[in-house]
Amino acid sequence: ITGMIDKFVDFIVGPGFYIECEDERAKTIIEQFMSDVNLDTLLRAWIKEALIKGNGFLEIGGMEKEAPKGLKVLNANWMYVKRDDMGNIINYNQYVGGFDKFAKNRVISFDPYQIAHLPFNKVGDMAYGCGVVYPALNDINNLLQNEKDLHMLMNRKANVPYDISMGKVVGGKYIKPSQAS
């Protein structure tokens, strides 16, 4: 699975990307920003997170009407999308810490402009994507269970050898087995 995900990321990001813009100054600013935040590396991590878990969350630093100050890939395991009844995103929440007991002070709230959400393999109006691993999870579990069962059978059968011998020597005389035996 890791090899497949890495190959997908290479296909998506590997050829590189470029900026097309009529204003050369804007193009220079965007390219400088991409260089400053190391966007090619961040993009690989963000896409990899989305392919594996179904969602990639990228935190965008700075104020709403200003240029972004920096980017950071967040772990999708702890990110939650809060939507209204119409499906519009209200905010994103990140839960920090273990789940031994829920504590509201462990929730970090983000406005929609602070998060770039990349849901991969979305179905219908779901807030989250499925990724590429989840649809194959049943097949993966079956393959792993088959290997486990095979190892158990081999362990039981290989450790109990049969010793079958026909005929024997008694008192220096060889007793030959009959045709029926």
Protein backbone atom coordinates (compact mmCIF):
# COMPACT_ATOMS: atom_id res chain seq x y z
CA ILE A 1 0.00 0.00 0.00
CA THR A 2 2.85 2.36 0.82
CA GLY A 3 4.41 1.73 -2.58
CA MET A 4 1.09 2.38 -4.33
CA ILE A 5 0.52 5.63 -2.41
CA ASP A 6 4.08 6.82 -3.12
CA LYS A 7 3.62 6.04 -6.81
CA PHE A 8 0.35 8.01 -6.93
CA VAL A 9 2.04 10.97 -5.24
CA ASP A 10 4.89 10.76 -7.76
CA PHE A 11 2.40 10.75 -10.64
CA ILE A 12 0.53 13.75 -9.20
CA VAL A 13 3.44 15.93 -8.06
CA GLY A 14 6.45 14.37 -9.79
CA PRO A 15 6.24 16.19 -13.11
CA GLY A 16 6.21 19.47 -11.18
CA PHE A 17 3.90 22.39 -11.57
CA TYR A 18 4.16 25.88 -12.95
CA ILE A 19 2.37 29.21 -12.74
CA GLU A 20 0.61 30.85 -15.67
CA CYS A 21 -0.19 34.50 -15.10
CA GLU A 22 -0.58 37.54 -17.30
CA ASP A 23 1.03 39.79 -14.66
CA GLU A 24 4.73 38.98 -14.33
CA ARG A 25 4.93 40.64 -10.89
CA ALA A 26 2.15 38.36 -9.56
CA LYS A 27 3.89 35.33 -11.04
CA THR A 28 7.15 36.34 -9.32
CA ILE A 29 5.39 36.81 -5.97
CA ILE A 30 3.66 33.41 -6.21
CA GLU A 31 6.86 31.63 -7.21
CA GLN A 32 8.73 33.32 -4.35
CA PHE A 33 6.00 32.23 -1.88
CA MET A 34 6.17 28.66 -3.20
CA SER A 35 9.91 28.69 -2.67
CA ASP A 36 9.66 30.26 0.81
CA VAL A 37 7.19 27.68 2.17
CA ASN A 38 8.80 24.77 0.26
CA LEU A 39 5.48 24.02 -1.44
CA ASP A 40 6.67 21.00 -3.43
CA THR A 41 7.50 19.08 -0.22
CA LEU A 42 4.35 20.25 1.56
CA LEU A 43 2.25 19.33 -1.46
CA ARG A 44 3.63 15.77 -1.42
CA ALA A 45 2.79 15.34 2.28
CA TRP A 46 -0.67 16.91 1.85
CA ILE A 47 -1.59 14.68 -1.10
CA LYS A 48 -0.20 11.60 0.63
CA GLU A 49 -2.35 12.32 3.70
CA ALA A 50 -5.42 12.73 1.46
CA LEU A 51 -4.78 9.49 -0.45
CA ILE A 52 -4.21 7.39 2.67
CA LYS A 53 -6.83 8.82 5.03
CA GLY A 54 -9.24 10.37 2.55
CA ASN A 55 -8.61 13.91 3.80
CA GLY A 56 -5.68 16.26 3.68
CA PHE A 57 -5.74 19.33 5.90
CA LEU A 58 -3.32 22.17 5.28
CA GLU A 59 -3.17 24.96 7.85
CA ILE A 60 -2.71 28.41 6.30
CA GLY A 61 -1.07 30.89 8.63
CA GLY A 62 -1.97 34.58 8.65
CA MET A 63 -5.04 36.78 8.57
CA GLU A 64 -7.90 36.50 6.11
CA LYS A 65 -7.18 39.56 3.95
CA GLU A 66 -3.38 39.19 4.07
CA ALA A 67 -0.91 37.00 2.23
CA PRO A 68 -0.39 33.61 3.91
CA LYS A 69 2.50 33.56 6.37
CA GLY A 70 3.15 29.83 6.16
CA LEU A 71 1.66 26.38 5.56
CA LYS A 72 1.56 23.27 7.71
CA VAL A 73 0.13 19.80 7.02
CA LEU A 74 -2.16 18.65 9.84
CA ASN A 75 -2.90 15.06 10.83
CA ALA A 76 -6.33 14.18 9.43
CA ASN A 77 -7.01 11.77 12.30
CA TRP A 78 -7.74 14.68 14.63
CA MET A 79 -9.49 17.08 12.26
CA TYR A 80 -13.26 17.50 12.12
CA VAL A 81 -15.44 19.52 9.75
CA LYS A 82 -18.35 21.42 11.28
CA ARG A 83 -21.13 22.17 8.78
CA ASP A 84 -24.53 23.81 8.98
CA ASP A 85 -27.82 22.19 7.89
CA MET A 86 -27.19 23.20 4.28
CA GLY A 87 -23.73 21.60 4.19
CA ASN A 88 -21.78 24.86 4.30
CA ILE A 89 -18.57 24.73 6.32
CA ILE A 90 -18.78 26.68 9.57
CA ASN A 91 -15.30 25.84 10.84
CA TYR A 92 -12.71 23.10 11.27
CA ASN A 93 -11.82 21.66 14.66
CA GLN A 94 -8.63 19.92 15.68
CA TYR A 95 -8.62 17.77 18.81
CA VAL A 96 -5.26 17.71 20.55
CA GLY A 97 -4.42 15.00 23.08
CA GLY A 98 -5.64 11.51 23.89
CA PHE A 99 -9.23 10.36 24.02
CA ASP A 100 -9.13 9.03 27.58
CA LYS A 101 -11.74 11.69 28.32
CA PHE A 102 -13.03 14.52 26.19
CA ALA A 103 -12.02 18.04 27.19
CA LYS A 104 -13.24 21.17 25.40
CA ASN A 105 -9.97 22.95 26.13
CA ARG A 106 -8.21 20.45 23.84
CA VAL A 107 -10.19 21.60 20.78
CA ILE A 108 -8.55 24.13 18.46
CA SER A 109 -11.00 25.85 16.13
CA PHE A 110 -10.03 27.11 12.66
CA ASP A 111 -11.99 29.45 10.41
CA PRO A 112 -12.55 28.16 6.85
CA TYR A 113 -9.91 30.54 5.41
CA GLN A 114 -7.27 29.00 7.73
CA ILE A 115 -7.61 25.46 6.34
CA ALA A 116 -7.21 24.06 2.84
CA HIS A 117 -9.17 20.78 2.87
CA LEU A 118 -8.43 18.15 0.23
CA PRO A 119 -11.05 15.38 0.45
CA PHE A 120 -10.10 12.48 -1.81
CA ASN A 121 -12.63 9.95 -3.16
CA LYS A 122 -15.67 11.80 -1.82
CA VAL A 123 -19.08 10.17 -2.13
CA GLY A 124 -22.17 12.34 -2.49
CA ASP A 125 -22.40 15.24 -0.06
CA MET A 126 -20.11 13.73 2.56
CA ALA A 127 -17.84 16.15 4.40
CA TYR A 128 -14.96 13.68 4.30
CA GLY A 129 -13.31 11.61 1.59
CA CYS A 130 -12.62 7.86 1.68
CA GLY A 131 -9.08 7.77 0.27
CA VAL A 132 -7.77 4.85 -1.77
CA VAL A 133 -7.20 2.41 1.09
CA TYR A 134 -10.71 2.26 2.60
CA PRO A 135 -12.49 0.83 -0.49
CA ALA A 136 -9.91 -1.99 -0.61
CA LEU A 137 -9.93 -2.60 3.16
CA ASN A 138 -12.10 -5.74 2.97
CA ASP A 139 -9.79 -7.32 0.37
CA ILE A 140 -6.72 -6.36 2.38
CA ASN A 141 -8.20 -7.88 5.54
CA ASN A 142 -9.08 -11.08 3.64
CA LEU A 143 -5.53 -11.39 2.28
CA LEU A 144 -4.02 -10.84 5.72
CA GLN A 145 -6.43 -13.36 7.29
CA ASN A 146 -5.57 -15.93 4.57
CA GLU A 147 -1.87 -15.53 5.35
CA LYS A 148 -2.54 -15.88 9.07
CA ASP A 149 -4.64 -19.01 8.52
CA LEU A 150 -2.01 -20.52 6.22
CA HIS A 151 0.70 -19.93 8.81
CA MET A 152 -1.46 -21.54 11.50
CA LEU A 153 -2.12 -24.62 9.32
CA MET A 154 1.53 -24.96 8.38
CA ASN A 155 2.53 -24.59 12.01
CA ARG A 156 0.15 -27.35 13.08
CA LYS A 157 0.94 -29.75 10.23
CA ALA A 158 4.67 -29.15 9.89
CA ASN A 159 5.36 -29.76 13.56
CA VAL A 160 3.61 -33.15 13.74
CA PRO A 161 5.51 -35.46 11.38
CA TYR A 162 4.30 -38.99 10.69
CA ASP A 163 6.77 -41.89 10.93
CA ILE A 164 5.39 -44.74 8.87
CA SER A 165 7.50 -47.81 8.29
CA MET A 166 6.56 -51.07 6.57
CA GLY A 167 8.16 -54.27 7.73
CA LYS A 168 10.55 -54.80 10.58
CA VAL A 169 13.56 -56.81 11.74
CA VAL A 170 12.89 -59.21 14.62
CA GLY A 171 15.71 -61.37 15.99
CA GLY A 172 17.91 -60.78 12.96
CA LYS A 173 15.14 -61.87 10.60
CA TYR A 174 13.39 -59.40 8.27
CA ILE A 175 9.59 -59.68 8.31
CA LYS A 176 8.30 -58.50 4.97
CA PRO A 177 4.89 -56.75 4.85
CA SER A 178 2.12 -58.53 3.01
CA GLN A 179 0.63 -57.30 -0.24
CA ALA A 180 -2.53 -56.20 1.61
CA SER A 181 -0.65 -54.03 4.14
